[in-house]
């Protein structure tokens, strides 16, 4: 066979061999790329899905152990006492006293965030109504579940009022602190009237005792 013819046949054979080998090369590259991706994924930290918030304390426990004590810390920080000896005003004056009431305001603001966590039970166990016009734990639970938006609204208002108190504390302003404390009290009372004792019965003031009538001799 002439050299030129042999060279042409050799070129065709080589071409056929390359075409036959091309799919295998692609497969090898694909497998290499897949392996590289898997290695990279293994090296990257996995982001685990966080479980939803799960309350541990009941609403009653939250009130008794966190919210009430921290609110008292704000309310009792500034007060005026009037006695027979005169009038005295108590308020934070030194840094340690301001820090103490600041801690109470921060706790109150953050505890308001805990109120909006869903699926929190009113009590660890059922409890009866505490007074005439008040609701028992089951009734309170039903009312909160049915009016969740209103309940959460009170919680948000409480948080913002506590933040106002915190601002007054940082400004060392006892007058603004008293005003913020009054707003906190109004919000708490409004929530209680809505969800705790909506049918409260306020006893009337005792009537004044009848005045003695001085009887004298009849006039002729």
N, C-alpha and C. Protein backbone atom coordinates (compact mmCIF):
# COMPACT_ATOMS: atom_id res chain seq x y z
N UNK A 1 0.88 -1.19 0.00
CA UNK A 1 0.00 0.00 0.00
C UNK A 1 0.90 1.23 0.00
N UNK A 2 0.54 2.22 -0.80
CA UNK A 2 1.38 3.41 -0.85
C UNK A 2 1.40 4.11 0.51
N UNK A 3 2.53 4.77 0.75
CA UNK A 3 2.64 5.44 2.06
C UNK A 3 1.51 6.41 2.32
N UNK A 4 1.12 7.11 1.27
CA UNK A 4 0.04 8.06 1.51
C UNK A 4 -1.23 7.39 1.92
N UNK A 5 -1.49 6.26 1.31
CA UNK A 5 -2.72 5.51 1.64
C UNK A 5 -2.64 5.01 3.06
N UNK A 6 -1.47 4.51 3.49
CA UNK A 6 -1.31 4.01 4.86
C UNK A 6 -1.50 5.13 5.88
N UNK A 7 -0.98 6.27 5.51
CA UNK A 7 -1.17 7.40 6.43
C UNK A 7 -2.61 7.79 6.56
N UNK A 8 -3.37 7.72 5.51
CA UNK A 8 -4.79 8.08 5.57
C UNK A 8 -5.56 7.08 6.41
N UNK A 9 -5.22 5.78 6.23
CA UNK A 9 -5.90 4.76 7.04
C UNK A 9 -5.57 4.93 8.50
N UNK A 10 -4.32 5.22 8.79
CA UNK A 10 -3.93 5.41 10.19
C UNK A 10 -4.68 6.58 10.82
N UNK A 11 -4.79 7.68 10.09
CA UNK A 11 -5.52 8.84 10.60
C UNK A 11 -6.98 8.51 10.88
N UNK A 12 -7.62 7.74 10.00
CA UNK A 12 -9.02 7.37 10.21
C UNK A 12 -9.17 6.47 11.44
N UNK A 13 -8.25 5.54 11.60
CA UNK A 13 -8.32 4.65 12.77
C UNK A 13 -8.16 5.43 14.07
N UNK A 14 -7.22 6.38 14.01
CA UNK A 14 -7.01 7.20 15.21
C UNK A 14 -8.24 8.03 15.52
N UNK A 15 -8.87 8.54 14.48
CA UNK A 15 -10.07 9.34 14.69
C UNK A 15 -11.19 8.50 15.29
N UNK A 16 -11.33 7.25 14.72
CA UNK A 16 -12.37 6.38 15.28
C UNK A 16 -12.07 6.03 16.73
N UNK A 17 -10.82 5.84 17.05
CA UNK A 17 -10.46 5.53 18.44
C UNK A 17 -10.75 6.69 19.39
N UNK A 18 -10.47 7.89 18.90
CA UNK A 18 -10.76 9.07 19.75
C UNK A 18 -12.26 9.26 19.97
N UNK A 19 -13.02 9.02 18.89
CA UNK A 19 -14.47 9.16 19.03
C UNK A 19 -15.04 8.11 19.97
N UNK A 20 -14.46 6.91 19.90
CA UNK A 20 -14.94 5.86 20.79
C UNK A 20 -14.57 6.13 22.23
N UNK A 21 -13.40 6.75 22.40
CA UNK A 21 -12.94 7.02 23.77
C UNK A 21 -13.55 8.28 24.37
N UNK A 22 -14.11 9.15 23.55
CA UNK A 22 -14.63 10.43 24.04
C UNK A 22 -15.71 10.28 25.10
N UNK A 23 -16.71 9.42 24.96
CA UNK A 23 -17.73 9.26 26.01
C UNK A 23 -17.13 8.83 27.34
N UNK A 24 -16.15 7.94 27.30
CA UNK A 24 -15.52 7.50 28.53
C UNK A 24 -14.77 8.63 29.22
N UNK A 25 -14.13 9.48 28.43
CA UNK A 25 -13.43 10.63 29.02
C UNK A 25 -14.43 11.56 29.69
N UNK A 26 -15.56 11.77 29.02
CA UNK A 26 -16.59 12.64 29.60
C UNK A 26 -17.15 12.05 30.89
N UNK A 27 -17.34 10.75 30.90
CA UNK A 27 -17.85 10.09 32.11
C UNK A 27 -16.86 10.25 33.25
N UNK A 28 -15.57 10.07 32.92
CA UNK A 28 -14.55 10.20 33.96
C UNK A 28 -14.53 11.62 34.52
N UNK A 29 -14.62 12.61 33.62
CA UNK A 29 -14.63 14.00 34.08
C UNK A 29 -15.86 14.30 34.93
N UNK A 30 -16.99 13.74 34.48
CA UNK A 30 -18.23 13.96 35.24
C UNK A 30 -18.14 13.35 36.63
N UNK A 31 -17.59 12.14 36.69
CA UNK A 31 -17.42 11.50 38.00
C UNK A 31 -16.45 12.28 38.88
N UNK A 32 -15.39 12.81 38.26
CA UNK A 32 -14.43 13.61 39.03
C UNK A 32 -15.08 14.88 39.57
N UNK A 33 -15.90 15.52 38.72
CA UNK A 33 -16.57 16.74 39.15
C UNK A 33 -17.56 16.45 40.27
N UNK A 34 -18.30 15.34 40.14
CA UNK A 34 -19.26 14.96 41.19
C UNK A 34 -18.54 14.69 42.50
N UNK A 35 -17.41 14.01 42.42
CA UNK A 35 -16.65 13.72 43.64
C UNK A 35 -16.16 15.00 44.30
N UNK A 36 -15.73 15.95 43.47
CA UNK A 36 -15.25 17.22 44.03
C UNK A 36 -16.37 17.97 44.73
N UNK A 37 -17.56 17.95 44.13
CA UNK A 37 -18.71 18.62 44.75
C UNK A 37 -19.05 17.98 46.08
N UNK A 38 -19.03 16.65 46.12
CA UNK A 38 -19.34 15.95 47.36
C UNK A 38 -18.33 16.27 48.45
N UNK A 39 -17.05 16.38 48.06
CA UNK A 39 -16.02 16.73 49.04
C UNK A 39 -16.26 18.13 49.59
N UNK A 40 -16.61 19.08 48.71
CA UNK A 40 -16.87 20.44 49.16
C UNK A 40 -18.07 20.50 50.09
N UNK A 41 -19.13 19.75 49.74
CA UNK A 41 -20.31 19.74 50.60
C UNK A 41 -19.99 19.15 51.96
N UNK A 42 -19.12 18.14 51.97
CA UNK A 42 -18.76 17.53 53.25
C UNK A 42 -17.95 18.48 54.11
N UNK A 43 -17.18 19.37 53.47
CA UNK A 43 -16.36 20.31 54.23
C UNK A 43 -17.17 21.49 54.75
N UNK A 44 -18.27 21.84 54.09
CA UNK A 44 -19.07 22.97 54.52
C UNK A 44 -19.89 22.61 55.76
N UNK A 45 -19.98 23.56 56.72
CA UNK A 45 -20.81 23.28 57.91
C UNK A 45 -22.28 23.20 57.55
N UNK A 46 -22.93 22.23 58.07
CA UNK A 46 -24.35 22.05 57.78
C UNK A 46 -25.19 22.94 58.69
N UNK A 47 -26.13 23.65 58.11
CA UNK A 47 -27.04 24.51 58.86
C UNK A 47 -28.26 23.69 59.25
N UNK A 48 -28.35 23.40 60.52
CA UNK A 48 -29.47 22.61 60.99
C UNK A 48 -30.69 23.49 61.22
N UNK A 49 -31.83 22.98 60.87
CA UNK A 49 -33.07 23.72 61.07
C UNK A 49 -33.38 23.80 62.56
N UNK A 50 -33.54 25.03 63.00
CA UNK A 50 -33.80 25.24 64.42
C UNK A 50 -35.23 24.82 64.76
N UNK A 51 -35.42 24.16 65.88
CA UNK A 51 -36.78 23.78 66.28
C UNK A 51 -37.57 25.02 66.68
N UNK A 52 -38.88 24.99 66.58
CA UNK A 52 -39.69 26.14 67.00
C UNK A 52 -39.56 26.37 68.50
N UNK A 53 -39.83 27.60 68.92
CA UNK A 53 -39.74 27.94 70.34
C UNK A 53 -40.73 27.11 71.14
N UNK A 54 -40.26 26.56 72.22
CA UNK A 54 -41.09 25.73 73.07
C UNK A 54 -41.11 26.31 74.48
N UNK A 55 -42.24 26.81 74.96
CA UNK A 55 -42.29 27.38 76.31
C UNK A 55 -42.12 26.30 77.36
N UNK A 56 -41.42 26.63 78.43
CA UNK A 56 -41.23 25.70 79.56
C UNK A 56 -42.09 26.08 80.75
N UNK A 57 -42.27 27.37 80.97
CA UNK A 57 -43.06 27.84 82.11
C UNK A 57 -44.48 28.16 81.66
N UNK A 58 -45.41 28.07 82.58
CA UNK A 58 -46.79 28.48 82.31
C UNK A 58 -46.88 30.00 82.37
N UNK A 59 -47.99 30.52 81.88
CA UNK A 59 -48.21 31.97 81.95
C UNK A 59 -48.24 32.44 83.40
N UNK A 60 -48.85 31.66 84.26
CA UNK A 60 -48.91 32.01 85.67
C UNK A 60 -47.51 32.06 86.28
N UNK A 61 -46.66 31.09 85.95
CA UNK A 61 -45.29 31.07 86.46
C UNK A 61 -44.49 32.24 85.91
N UNK A 62 -44.71 32.56 84.64
CA UNK A 62 -44.01 33.69 84.03
C UNK A 62 -44.37 34.99 84.74
N UNK A 63 -45.64 35.15 85.05
CA UNK A 63 -46.09 36.35 85.75
C UNK A 63 -45.50 36.43 87.16
N UNK A 64 -45.59 35.34 87.88
CA UNK A 64 -45.19 35.35 89.29
C UNK A 64 -43.68 35.46 89.47
N UNK A 65 -42.90 34.88 88.57
CA UNK A 65 -41.46 34.76 88.78
C UNK A 65 -40.62 35.76 87.99
N UNK A 66 -41.17 36.33 86.92
CA UNK A 66 -40.36 37.23 86.10
C UNK A 66 -41.03 38.59 85.93
N UNK A 67 -42.26 38.59 85.43
CA UNK A 67 -42.89 39.86 85.06
C UNK A 67 -43.25 40.70 86.29
N UNK A 68 -43.94 40.11 87.25
CA UNK A 68 -44.33 40.88 88.44
C UNK A 68 -43.13 41.42 89.21
N UNK A 69 -42.11 40.60 89.50
CA UNK A 69 -40.95 41.14 90.24
C UNK A 69 -40.22 42.25 89.49
N UNK A 70 -40.07 42.11 88.18
CA UNK A 70 -39.37 43.15 87.43
C UNK A 70 -40.22 44.42 87.33
N UNK A 71 -41.53 44.29 87.19
CA UNK A 71 -42.40 45.47 87.18
C UNK A 71 -42.35 46.17 88.54
N UNK A 72 -42.36 45.40 89.61
CA UNK A 72 -42.24 46.01 90.95
C UNK A 72 -40.91 46.76 91.09
N UNK A 73 -39.86 46.22 90.47
CA UNK A 73 -38.57 46.90 90.53
C UNK A 73 -38.61 48.27 89.88
N UNK A 74 -39.42 48.41 88.83
CA UNK A 74 -39.57 49.71 88.17
C UNK A 74 -40.49 50.61 88.99
N UNK A 75 -41.63 50.07 89.42
CA UNK A 75 -42.59 50.88 90.16
C UNK A 75 -42.03 51.38 91.49
N UNK A 76 -41.29 50.56 92.18
CA UNK A 76 -40.81 50.92 93.52
C UNK A 76 -39.52 51.74 93.50
N UNK A 77 -39.00 52.01 92.31
CA UNK A 77 -37.73 52.73 92.24
C UNK A 77 -37.86 54.20 92.60
N UNK A 78 -39.04 54.76 92.35
CA UNK A 78 -39.28 56.17 92.69
C UNK A 78 -40.61 56.24 93.44
N UNK A 79 -40.57 56.74 94.64
CA UNK A 79 -41.80 56.86 95.42
C UNK A 79 -41.66 57.99 96.41
N UNK A 80 -42.80 58.55 96.76
CA UNK A 80 -42.85 59.63 97.75
C UNK A 80 -43.62 59.13 98.96
N UNK A 81 -43.03 59.26 100.11
CA UNK A 81 -43.63 58.79 101.35
C UNK A 81 -43.98 60.00 102.20
N UNK A 82 -45.23 60.05 102.60
CA UNK A 82 -45.71 61.16 103.43
C UNK A 82 -46.06 60.61 104.81
N UNK A 83 -45.45 61.14 105.81
CA UNK A 83 -45.73 60.75 107.19
C UNK A 83 -45.99 62.00 108.02
N UNK A 84 -46.25 61.77 109.29
CA UNK A 84 -46.46 62.91 110.18
C UNK A 84 -45.20 63.76 110.31
N UNK A 85 -44.08 63.13 110.07
CA UNK A 85 -42.82 63.87 110.18
C UNK A 85 -42.52 64.70 108.95
N UNK A 86 -43.23 64.43 107.88
CA UNK A 86 -42.99 65.18 106.65
C UNK A 86 -43.02 64.28 105.42
N UNK A 87 -42.47 64.77 104.34
CA UNK A 87 -42.49 64.07 103.05
C UNK A 87 -41.07 63.73 102.63
N UNK A 88 -40.88 62.51 102.18
CA UNK A 88 -39.56 62.08 101.72
C UNK A 88 -39.71 61.37 100.38
N UNK A 89 -38.74 61.56 99.52
CA UNK A 89 -38.76 60.96 98.18
C UNK A 89 -37.63 59.96 98.06
N UNK A 90 -37.99 58.77 97.60
CA UNK A 90 -37.01 57.72 97.36
C UNK A 90 -36.82 57.56 95.87
N UNK A 91 -35.57 57.57 95.41
CA UNK A 91 -35.26 57.39 94.01
C UNK A 91 -33.82 56.91 93.88
N UNK A 92 -33.45 56.32 92.75
CA UNK A 92 -32.06 55.93 92.57
C UNK A 92 -31.16 57.16 92.52
N UNK A 93 -30.03 57.07 93.18
CA UNK A 93 -29.11 58.21 93.23
C UNK A 93 -27.69 57.83 92.86
N UNK A 94 -27.24 56.67 93.28
CA UNK A 94 -25.89 56.24 92.98
C UNK A 94 -25.92 55.27 91.81
N UNK A 95 -24.80 55.06 91.12
CA UNK A 95 -24.79 54.18 89.93
C UNK A 95 -25.33 52.78 90.22
N UNK A 96 -25.02 52.23 91.38
CA UNK A 96 -25.49 50.88 91.69
C UNK A 96 -27.00 50.81 91.77
N UNK A 97 -27.64 51.86 92.29
CA UNK A 97 -29.10 51.88 92.38
C UNK A 97 -29.73 52.02 90.99
N UNK A 98 -29.13 52.85 90.14
CA UNK A 98 -29.64 52.97 88.78
C UNK A 98 -29.47 51.67 88.01
N UNK A 99 -28.36 50.99 88.25
CA UNK A 99 -28.13 49.71 87.58
C UNK A 99 -29.15 48.67 88.00
N UNK A 100 -29.56 48.72 89.27
CA UNK A 100 -30.54 47.76 89.77
C UNK A 100 -31.89 47.95 89.10
N UNK A 101 -32.33 49.19 89.00
CA UNK A 101 -33.63 49.43 88.36
C UNK A 101 -33.52 49.21 86.85
N UNK A 102 -32.35 49.44 86.28
CA UNK A 102 -32.15 49.16 84.85
C UNK A 102 -32.29 47.67 84.56
N UNK A 103 -31.75 46.86 85.45
CA UNK A 103 -31.88 45.42 85.31
C UNK A 103 -33.35 45.00 85.33
N UNK A 104 -34.14 45.63 86.20
CA UNK A 104 -35.57 45.32 86.26
C UNK A 104 -36.27 45.71 84.97
N UNK A 105 -35.93 46.87 84.40
CA UNK A 105 -36.57 47.32 83.17
C UNK A 105 -36.20 46.41 81.99
N UNK A 106 -34.94 45.99 81.92
CA UNK A 106 -34.52 45.09 80.84
C UNK A 106 -35.24 43.75 80.96
N UNK A 107 -35.32 43.23 82.18
CA UNK A 107 -36.01 41.96 82.39
C UNK A 107 -37.47 42.06 81.99
N UNK A 108 -38.10 43.18 82.33
CA UNK A 108 -39.51 43.36 81.99
C UNK A 108 -39.70 43.44 80.48
N UNK A 109 -38.83 44.16 79.79
CA UNK A 109 -38.95 44.28 78.33
C UNK A 109 -38.77 42.93 77.65
N UNK A 110 -37.78 42.17 78.08
CA UNK A 110 -37.53 40.87 77.45
C UNK A 110 -38.60 39.84 77.83
N UNK A 111 -39.12 39.93 79.04
CA UNK A 111 -40.17 38.98 79.43
C UNK A 111 -41.44 39.22 78.63
N UNK A 112 -41.65 40.45 78.17
CA UNK A 112 -42.80 40.71 77.31
C UNK A 112 -42.68 39.93 76.00
N UNK A 113 -41.46 39.74 75.52
CA UNK A 113 -41.26 38.92 74.33
C UNK A 113 -41.64 37.46 74.57
N UNK A 114 -41.45 37.00 75.80
CA UNK A 114 -41.82 35.62 76.12
C UNK A 114 -43.33 35.41 76.07
N UNK A 115 -44.08 36.47 76.30
CA UNK A 115 -45.54 36.35 76.31
C UNK A 115 -46.10 35.97 74.94
N UNK A 116 -45.40 36.33 73.88
CA UNK A 116 -45.95 36.10 72.54
C UNK A 116 -45.60 34.71 72.01
N UNK A 117 -44.84 33.92 72.76
CA UNK A 117 -44.56 32.55 72.32
C UNK A 117 -45.85 31.74 72.41
N UNK A 118 -46.21 31.10 71.33
CA UNK A 118 -47.47 30.38 71.28
C UNK A 118 -47.39 29.06 72.05
N UNK A 119 -48.55 28.51 72.31
CA UNK A 119 -48.71 27.20 72.96
C UNK A 119 -48.27 27.22 74.43
N UNK A 120 -48.24 28.39 75.04
CA UNK A 120 -47.94 28.46 76.47
C UNK A 120 -49.24 28.27 77.26
N UNK A 121 -49.24 27.34 78.17
CA UNK A 121 -50.42 27.08 78.98
C UNK A 121 -50.57 28.15 80.06
N UNK A 122 -51.80 28.41 80.45
CA UNK A 122 -52.05 29.43 81.48
C UNK A 122 -51.49 28.98 82.82
N UNK A 123 -51.71 27.73 83.17
CA UNK A 123 -51.22 27.22 84.45
C UNK A 123 -50.66 25.83 84.31
N UNK A 124 -49.79 25.46 85.24
CA UNK A 124 -49.28 24.09 85.24
C UNK A 124 -50.42 23.11 85.45
N UNK A 125 -51.35 23.50 86.28
CA UNK A 125 -52.56 22.71 86.49
C UNK A 125 -53.73 23.66 86.61
N UNK A 126 -54.93 23.20 86.38
CA UNK A 126 -56.09 24.09 86.42
C UNK A 126 -56.24 24.77 87.77
N UNK A 127 -56.70 26.02 87.73
CA UNK A 127 -56.97 26.73 88.98
C UNK A 127 -58.30 27.45 88.86
N UNK A 128 -58.98 27.62 89.97
CA UNK A 128 -60.30 28.26 89.94
C UNK A 128 -60.19 29.77 89.85
N UNK A 129 -61.32 30.39 89.62
CA UNK A 129 -61.37 31.85 89.63
C UNK A 129 -61.02 32.36 91.02
N UNK A 130 -60.26 33.44 91.07
CA UNK A 130 -59.77 33.93 92.35
C UNK A 130 -60.75 34.84 93.08
N UNK A 131 -61.70 35.40 92.34
CA UNK A 131 -62.65 36.33 92.96
C UNK A 131 -63.88 36.43 92.07
N UNK A 132 -64.88 37.09 92.57
CA UNK A 132 -66.08 37.31 91.77
C UNK A 132 -65.74 38.12 90.53
N UNK A 133 -66.21 37.65 89.38
CA UNK A 133 -65.94 38.35 88.13
C UNK A 133 -64.67 37.91 87.44
N UNK A 134 -63.83 37.13 88.14
CA UNK A 134 -62.61 36.63 87.53
C UNK A 134 -62.89 35.31 86.81
N UNK A 135 -61.96 34.90 85.96
CA UNK A 135 -62.10 33.67 85.19
C UNK A 135 -61.19 32.58 85.75
N UNK A 136 -61.57 31.33 85.54
CA UNK A 136 -60.68 30.24 85.93
C UNK A 136 -59.67 30.01 84.80
N UNK A 137 -58.73 29.11 85.03
CA UNK A 137 -57.64 28.92 84.07
C UNK A 137 -58.14 28.46 82.70
N UNK A 138 -59.15 27.61 82.68
CA UNK A 138 -59.68 27.15 81.40
C UNK A 138 -60.32 28.27 80.60
N UNK A 139 -61.06 29.12 81.28
CA UNK A 139 -61.69 30.25 80.60
C UNK A 139 -60.66 31.25 80.08
N UNK A 140 -59.62 31.48 80.89
CA UNK A 140 -58.54 32.39 80.46
C UNK A 140 -57.85 31.83 79.23
N UNK A 141 -57.57 30.52 79.25
CA UNK A 141 -56.90 29.89 78.12
C UNK A 141 -57.72 30.03 76.84
N UNK A 142 -59.01 29.77 76.94
CA UNK A 142 -59.88 29.87 75.76
C UNK A 142 -59.92 31.30 75.24
N UNK A 143 -59.97 32.26 76.15
CA UNK A 143 -60.04 33.66 75.74
C UNK A 143 -58.76 34.09 75.04
N UNK A 144 -57.62 33.67 75.56
CA UNK A 144 -56.34 34.02 74.92
C UNK A 144 -56.23 33.36 73.55
N UNK A 145 -56.61 32.08 73.47
CA UNK A 145 -56.51 31.36 72.19
C UNK A 145 -57.41 31.98 71.14
N UNK A 146 -58.58 32.44 71.54
CA UNK A 146 -59.53 33.01 70.59
C UNK A 146 -59.21 34.45 70.22
N UNK A 147 -58.46 35.15 71.07
CA UNK A 147 -58.13 36.56 70.82
C UNK A 147 -56.62 36.75 70.93
N UNK A 148 -55.89 35.92 70.21
CA UNK A 148 -54.43 35.93 70.30
C UNK A 148 -53.83 37.27 69.88
N UNK A 149 -54.38 37.88 68.85
CA UNK A 149 -53.84 39.14 68.37
C UNK A 149 -53.94 40.22 69.44
N UNK A 150 -55.06 40.26 70.16
CA UNK A 150 -55.23 41.25 71.23
C UNK A 150 -54.25 41.00 72.37
N UNK A 151 -54.07 39.73 72.72
CA UNK A 151 -53.12 39.38 73.78
C UNK A 151 -51.70 39.79 73.40
N UNK A 152 -51.31 39.48 72.17
CA UNK A 152 -49.98 39.85 71.70
C UNK A 152 -49.81 41.36 71.65
N UNK A 153 -50.90 42.07 71.36
CA UNK A 153 -50.84 43.53 71.35
C UNK A 153 -50.50 44.10 72.71
N UNK A 154 -51.09 43.53 73.76
CA UNK A 154 -50.75 43.97 75.11
C UNK A 154 -49.28 43.68 75.42
N UNK A 155 -48.79 42.53 74.97
CA UNK A 155 -47.39 42.16 75.22
C UNK A 155 -46.44 43.15 74.54
N UNK A 156 -46.75 43.51 73.30
CA UNK A 156 -45.91 44.47 72.59
C UNK A 156 -45.95 45.84 73.27
N UNK A 157 -47.13 46.25 73.71
CA UNK A 157 -47.25 47.54 74.40
C UNK A 157 -46.45 47.53 75.70
N UNK A 158 -46.47 46.42 76.41
CA UNK A 158 -45.69 46.29 77.64
C UNK A 158 -44.20 46.40 77.35
N UNK A 159 -43.76 45.75 76.30
CA UNK A 159 -42.34 45.81 75.93
C UNK A 159 -41.91 47.24 75.61
N UNK A 160 -42.74 47.96 74.85
CA UNK A 160 -42.38 49.32 74.47
C UNK A 160 -42.40 50.25 75.69
N UNK A 161 -43.33 50.05 76.61
CA UNK A 161 -43.37 50.88 77.82
C UNK A 161 -42.14 50.60 78.68
N UNK A 162 -41.72 49.33 78.74
CA UNK A 162 -40.51 49.00 79.50
C UNK A 162 -39.28 49.63 78.85
N UNK A 163 -39.26 49.70 77.54
CA UNK A 163 -38.14 50.35 76.85
C UNK A 163 -38.15 51.85 77.10
N UNK A 164 -39.33 52.44 77.24
CA UNK A 164 -39.41 53.86 77.61
C UNK A 164 -38.84 54.08 79.01
N UNK A 165 -39.16 53.16 79.91
CA UNK A 165 -38.59 53.23 81.26
C UNK A 165 -37.08 53.10 81.20
N UNK A 166 -36.59 52.23 80.35
CA UNK A 166 -35.15 52.04 80.21
C UNK A 166 -34.48 53.31 79.70
N UNK A 167 -35.13 54.00 78.78
CA UNK A 167 -34.59 55.26 78.28
C UNK A 167 -34.54 56.31 79.39
N UNK A 168 -35.58 56.35 80.23
CA UNK A 168 -35.59 57.29 81.35
C UNK A 168 -34.50 56.97 82.35
N UNK A 169 -34.25 55.70 82.56
CA UNK A 169 -33.20 55.27 83.49
C UNK A 169 -31.84 55.70 82.97
N UNK A 170 -31.58 55.49 81.69
CA UNK A 170 -30.30 55.87 81.11
C UNK A 170 -30.10 57.38 81.14
N UNK A 171 -31.21 58.13 81.11
CA UNK A 171 -31.13 59.59 81.20
C UNK A 171 -31.11 60.08 82.64
N UNK A 172 -31.21 59.14 83.59
CA UNK A 172 -31.24 59.49 85.03
C UNK A 172 -32.36 60.50 85.30
N UNK A 173 -33.54 60.19 84.72
CA UNK A 173 -34.68 61.11 84.82
C UNK A 173 -35.79 60.43 85.62
N UNK A 174 -35.90 60.71 86.92
CA UNK A 174 -36.92 60.04 87.73
C UNK A 174 -38.34 60.43 87.35
N UNK A 175 -38.54 61.64 86.83
CA UNK A 175 -39.89 62.07 86.45
C UNK A 175 -40.39 61.23 85.26
N UNK A 176 -39.56 61.07 84.26
CA UNK A 176 -39.93 60.22 83.11
C UNK A 176 -40.08 58.76 83.53
N UNK A 177 -39.30 58.34 84.50
CA UNK A 177 -39.40 56.97 84.99
C UNK A 177 -40.76 56.73 85.65
N UNK A 178 -41.22 57.70 86.41
CA UNK A 178 -42.55 57.59 87.03
C UNK A 178 -43.63 57.52 85.95
N UNK A 179 -43.49 58.36 84.93
CA UNK A 179 -44.47 58.36 83.84
C UNK A 179 -44.49 57.02 83.11
N UNK A 180 -43.31 56.46 82.87
CA UNK A 180 -43.24 55.15 82.22
C UNK A 180 -43.83 54.07 83.11
N UNK A 181 -43.60 54.17 84.41
CA UNK A 181 -44.19 53.20 85.33
C UNK A 181 -45.71 53.26 85.33
N UNK A 182 -46.25 54.47 85.21
CA UNK A 182 -47.71 54.60 85.14
C UNK A 182 -48.25 53.96 83.86
N UNK A 183 -47.52 54.12 82.75
CA UNK A 183 -47.95 53.50 81.49
C UNK A 183 -47.90 51.97 81.60
N UNK A 184 -46.88 51.45 82.25
CA UNK A 184 -46.77 50.00 82.44
C UNK A 184 -47.95 49.49 83.27
N UNK A 185 -48.29 50.21 84.31
CA UNK A 185 -49.41 49.82 85.16
C UNK A 185 -50.72 49.82 84.38
N UNK A 186 -50.91 50.82 83.54
CA UNK A 186 -52.14 50.91 82.75
C UNK A 186 -52.24 49.74 81.76
N UNK A 187 -51.13 49.39 81.14
CA UNK A 187 -51.13 48.27 80.19
C UNK A 187 -51.43 46.96 80.90
N UNK A 188 -50.78 46.74 82.05
CA UNK A 188 -51.02 45.51 82.80
C UNK A 188 -52.48 45.40 83.23
N UNK A 189 -53.01 46.49 83.72
CA UNK A 189 -54.40 46.48 84.18
C UNK A 189 -55.36 46.25 83.02
N UNK A 190 -55.05 46.84 81.87
CA UNK A 190 -55.90 46.63 80.70
C UNK A 190 -55.91 45.18 80.25
N UNK A 191 -54.75 44.53 80.29
CA UNK A 191 -54.67 43.12 79.92
C UNK A 191 -55.42 42.25 80.92
N UNK A 192 -55.28 42.57 82.20
CA UNK A 192 -55.97 41.79 83.22
C UNK A 192 -57.49 41.93 83.10
N UNK A 193 -57.93 43.16 82.81
CA UNK A 193 -59.37 43.37 82.64
C UNK A 193 -59.90 42.61 81.42
N UNK A 194 -59.06 42.40 80.44
CA UNK A 194 -59.48 41.73 79.21
C UNK A 194 -59.48 40.21 79.37
N UNK A 195 -58.43 39.68 80.03
CA UNK A 195 -58.23 38.23 80.02
C UNK A 195 -58.30 37.56 81.39
N UNK A 196 -58.29 38.33 82.47
CA UNK A 196 -58.26 37.72 83.80
C UNK A 196 -59.57 37.94 84.55
N UNK A 197 -59.94 39.18 84.73
CA UNK A 197 -61.19 39.45 85.46
C UNK A 197 -62.04 40.46 84.67
N UNK A 198 -62.57 40.03 83.51
CA UNK A 198 -63.38 40.94 82.70
C UNK A 198 -64.72 41.29 83.33
N UNK A 199 -65.17 40.47 84.27
CA UNK A 199 -66.47 40.71 84.90
C UNK A 199 -66.31 41.04 86.37
N UNK A 200 -65.22 41.73 86.68
CA UNK A 200 -64.95 42.01 88.08
C UNK A 200 -66.07 42.82 88.71
N UNK A 201 -66.28 42.55 89.95
CA UNK A 201 -67.31 43.25 90.72
C UNK A 201 -66.59 44.11 91.75
N UNK A 202 -66.70 45.40 91.58
CA UNK A 202 -66.06 46.32 92.51
C UNK A 202 -67.05 46.64 93.62
N UNK A 203 -66.73 46.28 94.84
CA UNK A 203 -67.69 46.54 95.93
C UNK A 203 -67.88 48.04 96.13
N UNK A 204 -69.09 48.40 96.41
CA UNK A 204 -69.38 49.82 96.64
C UNK A 204 -68.86 50.24 98.00
N UNK A 205 -68.60 51.51 98.12
CA UNK A 205 -68.12 52.04 99.38
C UNK A 205 -69.21 51.92 100.43
N UNK A 206 -68.83 51.64 101.64
CA UNK A 206 -69.86 51.55 102.69
C UNK A 206 -70.58 52.87 102.86
N UNK A 207 -71.87 52.77 103.04
CA UNK A 207 -72.66 54.00 103.21
C UNK A 207 -72.32 54.62 104.55
N UNK A 208 -72.46 55.92 104.60
CA UNK A 208 -72.16 56.63 105.85
C UNK A 208 -73.18 56.26 106.91
N UNK A 209 -72.73 56.09 108.14
CA UNK A 209 -73.69 55.76 109.21
C UNK A 209 -74.67 56.89 109.42
N UNK A 210 -75.90 56.56 109.79
CA UNK A 210 -76.90 57.63 110.01
C UNK A 210 -76.46 58.56 111.13
N UNK A 211 -76.64 59.81 110.86
CA UNK A 211 -76.26 60.80 111.89
C UNK A 211 -77.28 60.80 113.01
N UNK A 212 -76.77 61.00 114.18
CA UNK A 212 -77.67 61.04 115.37
C UNK A 212 -78.53 62.31 115.31
N UNK A 213 -79.76 62.14 115.63
CA UNK A 213 -80.69 63.28 115.64
C UNK A 213 -80.96 63.66 117.10
N UNK A 214 -80.64 64.87 117.40
CA UNK A 214 -80.83 65.34 118.76
C UNK A 214 -82.31 65.68 118.94
N UNK A 215 -82.95 64.96 119.84
CA UNK A 215 -84.35 65.22 120.11
C UNK A 215 -84.48 66.12 121.34
N UNK A 216 -85.17 67.15 121.16
CA UNK A 216 -85.39 68.06 122.29
C UNK A 216 -86.86 68.07 122.68
N UNK A 217 -87.18 68.79 123.64
CA UNK A 217 -88.60 68.88 124.03
C UNK A 217 -89.42 69.49 122.92
N UNK A 218 -90.59 68.95 122.75
CA UNK A 218 -91.47 69.50 121.73
C UNK A 218 -91.81 70.94 122.03
N UNK A 219 -91.83 71.71 121.00
CA UNK A 219 -92.19 73.11 121.18
C UNK A 219 -93.71 73.21 121.24
N UNK A 220 -94.13 74.02 122.12
CA UNK A 220 -95.60 74.17 122.21
C UNK A 220 -96.17 74.82 120.96
